[in-house]
Amino acid sequence: MKEELFVKTINPFDEEVILTKATWENIIIKHPEVIKYLHKIERTINLPDFIKTSVYDIRTKLYYRYQPEILNGKYFVVVVKSADKNFISTTYITNEIIKGGKIIWKKQ
């Protein structure tokens, strides 16, 4: 059974990144605060401030984009796992950058 695509976009490495409808439904259960920021996902993937590797999984990257209009200024983070495809596994809002990991891309 083919999963229904919800978002399909391109990252700064010119790679396709996808979000399925089923994953989005799981994200908004765990992080209901992001439901009104669905439109920020594509922008964060296309034009992040920076991308870090995960400290837990070398296949996972965290895309950070500062959003001054979210809760008086927070980072919108999109977590992308690379397997057969690059797929979004979660997204969340934070004021902290995860320690560890390596910055692999930074906005010029």
Protein backbone atom coordinates (compact mmCIF):
# COMPACT_ATOMS: atom_id res chain seq x y z
CA MET A 1 0.00 0.00 0.00
CA LYS A 2 1.42 3.34 -1.06
CA GLU A 3 1.45 6.08 1.57
CA GLU A 4 -0.24 9.35 0.69
CA LEU A 5 2.22 12.23 0.30
CA PHE A 6 1.41 15.35 2.27
CA VAL A 7 4.48 17.50 1.55
CA LYS A 8 7.17 17.02 -1.10
CA THR A 9 10.03 19.49 -1.30
CA ILE A 10 13.77 19.89 -2.02
CA ASN A 11 16.54 20.46 0.53
CA PRO A 12 19.73 22.56 0.01
CA PHE A 13 21.53 19.43 -1.23
CA ASP A 14 19.00 19.21 -4.10
CA GLU A 15 17.46 16.05 -2.61
CA GLU A 16 13.76 15.32 -2.40
CA VAL A 17 12.26 15.27 1.10
CA ILE A 18 8.77 13.92 1.78
CA LEU A 19 6.18 13.97 4.53
CA THR A 20 3.36 11.45 4.43
CA LYS A 21 -0.13 12.16 5.67
CA ALA A 22 0.17 9.34 8.25
CA THR A 23 3.39 10.81 9.66
CA TRP A 24 1.84 14.30 9.83
CA GLU A 25 -1.11 12.88 11.79
CA ASN A 26 1.33 11.27 14.26
CA ILE A 27 3.36 14.48 14.57
CA ILE A 28 0.36 16.60 15.49
CA ILE A 29 -0.64 14.11 18.19
CA LYS A 30 2.80 14.36 19.79
CA HIS A 31 3.39 18.07 19.02
CA PRO A 32 -0.05 19.71 18.64
CA GLU A 33 1.55 23.16 18.78
CA VAL A 34 2.90 22.71 15.23
CA ILE A 35 -0.48 22.13 13.56
CA LYS A 36 -0.85 25.79 12.59
CA TYR A 37 2.70 25.87 11.19
CA LEU A 38 2.40 23.21 8.49
CA HIS A 39 3.41 25.86 5.94
CA LYS A 40 6.75 26.31 7.78
CA ILE A 41 7.89 22.76 7.01
CA GLU A 42 8.65 23.29 3.34
CA ARG A 43 10.39 26.62 3.99
CA THR A 44 12.51 25.10 6.76
CA ILE A 45 13.63 22.28 4.47
CA ASN A 46 14.25 24.60 1.49
CA LEU A 47 15.97 27.42 3.37
CA PRO A 48 17.12 26.36 6.82
CA ASP A 49 19.42 28.52 8.92
CA PHE A 50 21.51 25.40 9.40
CA ILE A 51 21.38 21.60 9.29
CA LYS A 52 22.89 19.38 11.99
CA THR A 53 23.50 15.67 12.18
CA SER A 54 21.71 13.77 14.92
CA VAL A 55 23.74 12.57 17.90
CA TYR A 56 21.60 9.41 17.97
CA ASP A 57 21.39 8.28 14.34
CA ILE A 58 23.82 9.09 11.52
CA ARG A 59 20.97 8.80 9.01
CA THR A 60 19.06 11.64 10.68
CA LYS A 61 19.46 15.37 10.13
CA LEU A 62 17.85 18.29 11.97
CA TYR A 63 16.88 21.35 9.93
CA TYR A 64 16.67 24.53 12.02
CA ARG A 65 15.05 27.81 11.00
CA TYR A 66 14.53 30.70 13.42
CA GLN A 67 10.97 32.04 13.34
CA PRO A 68 10.57 35.38 15.14
CA GLU A 69 6.77 35.18 14.85
CA ILE A 70 6.48 31.83 16.67
CA LEU A 71 6.04 32.26 20.43
CA ASN A 72 8.12 35.47 20.53
CA GLY A 73 10.97 33.85 18.61
CA LYS A 74 11.73 30.13 18.47
CA TYR A 75 13.41 27.64 16.19
CA PHE A 76 11.18 25.52 14.00
CA VAL A 77 12.94 22.16 13.63
CA VAL A 78 12.24 19.51 11.01
CA VAL A 79 13.83 16.10 11.54
CA VAL A 80 14.61 14.18 8.35
CA LYS A 81 15.69 10.56 8.24
CA SER A 82 17.45 9.16 5.18
CA ALA A 83 16.70 5.57 4.27
CA ASP A 84 15.41 4.63 0.83
CA LYS A 85 14.11 8.20 0.71
CA ASN A 86 14.53 11.35 2.78
CA PHE A 87 11.44 11.47 4.93
CA ILE A 88 10.32 13.81 7.67
CA SER A 89 9.95 11.92 10.93
CA THR A 90 8.92 14.80 13.19
CA THR A 91 8.89 18.55 13.62
CA TYR A 92 8.83 20.67 16.74
CA ILE A 93 9.36 24.16 18.15
CA THR A 94 12.24 24.93 20.50
CA ASN A 95 14.35 27.75 21.84
CA GLU A 96 17.38 25.49 22.23
CA ILE A 97 19.74 24.01 19.70
CA ILE A 98 20.58 20.39 20.49
CA LYS A 99 24.13 20.04 21.77
CA GLY A 100 26.33 17.63 19.89
CA GLY A 101 25.99 16.61 16.31
CA LYS A 102 27.80 18.42 13.56
CA ILE A 103 26.65 21.37 11.46
CA ILE A 104 26.76 20.08 7.88
CA TRP A 105 25.15 23.04 6.15
CA LYS A 106 24.79 26.71 7.09
CA LYS A 107 22.95 29.56 5.39
CA GLN A 108 25.37 31.96 3.71
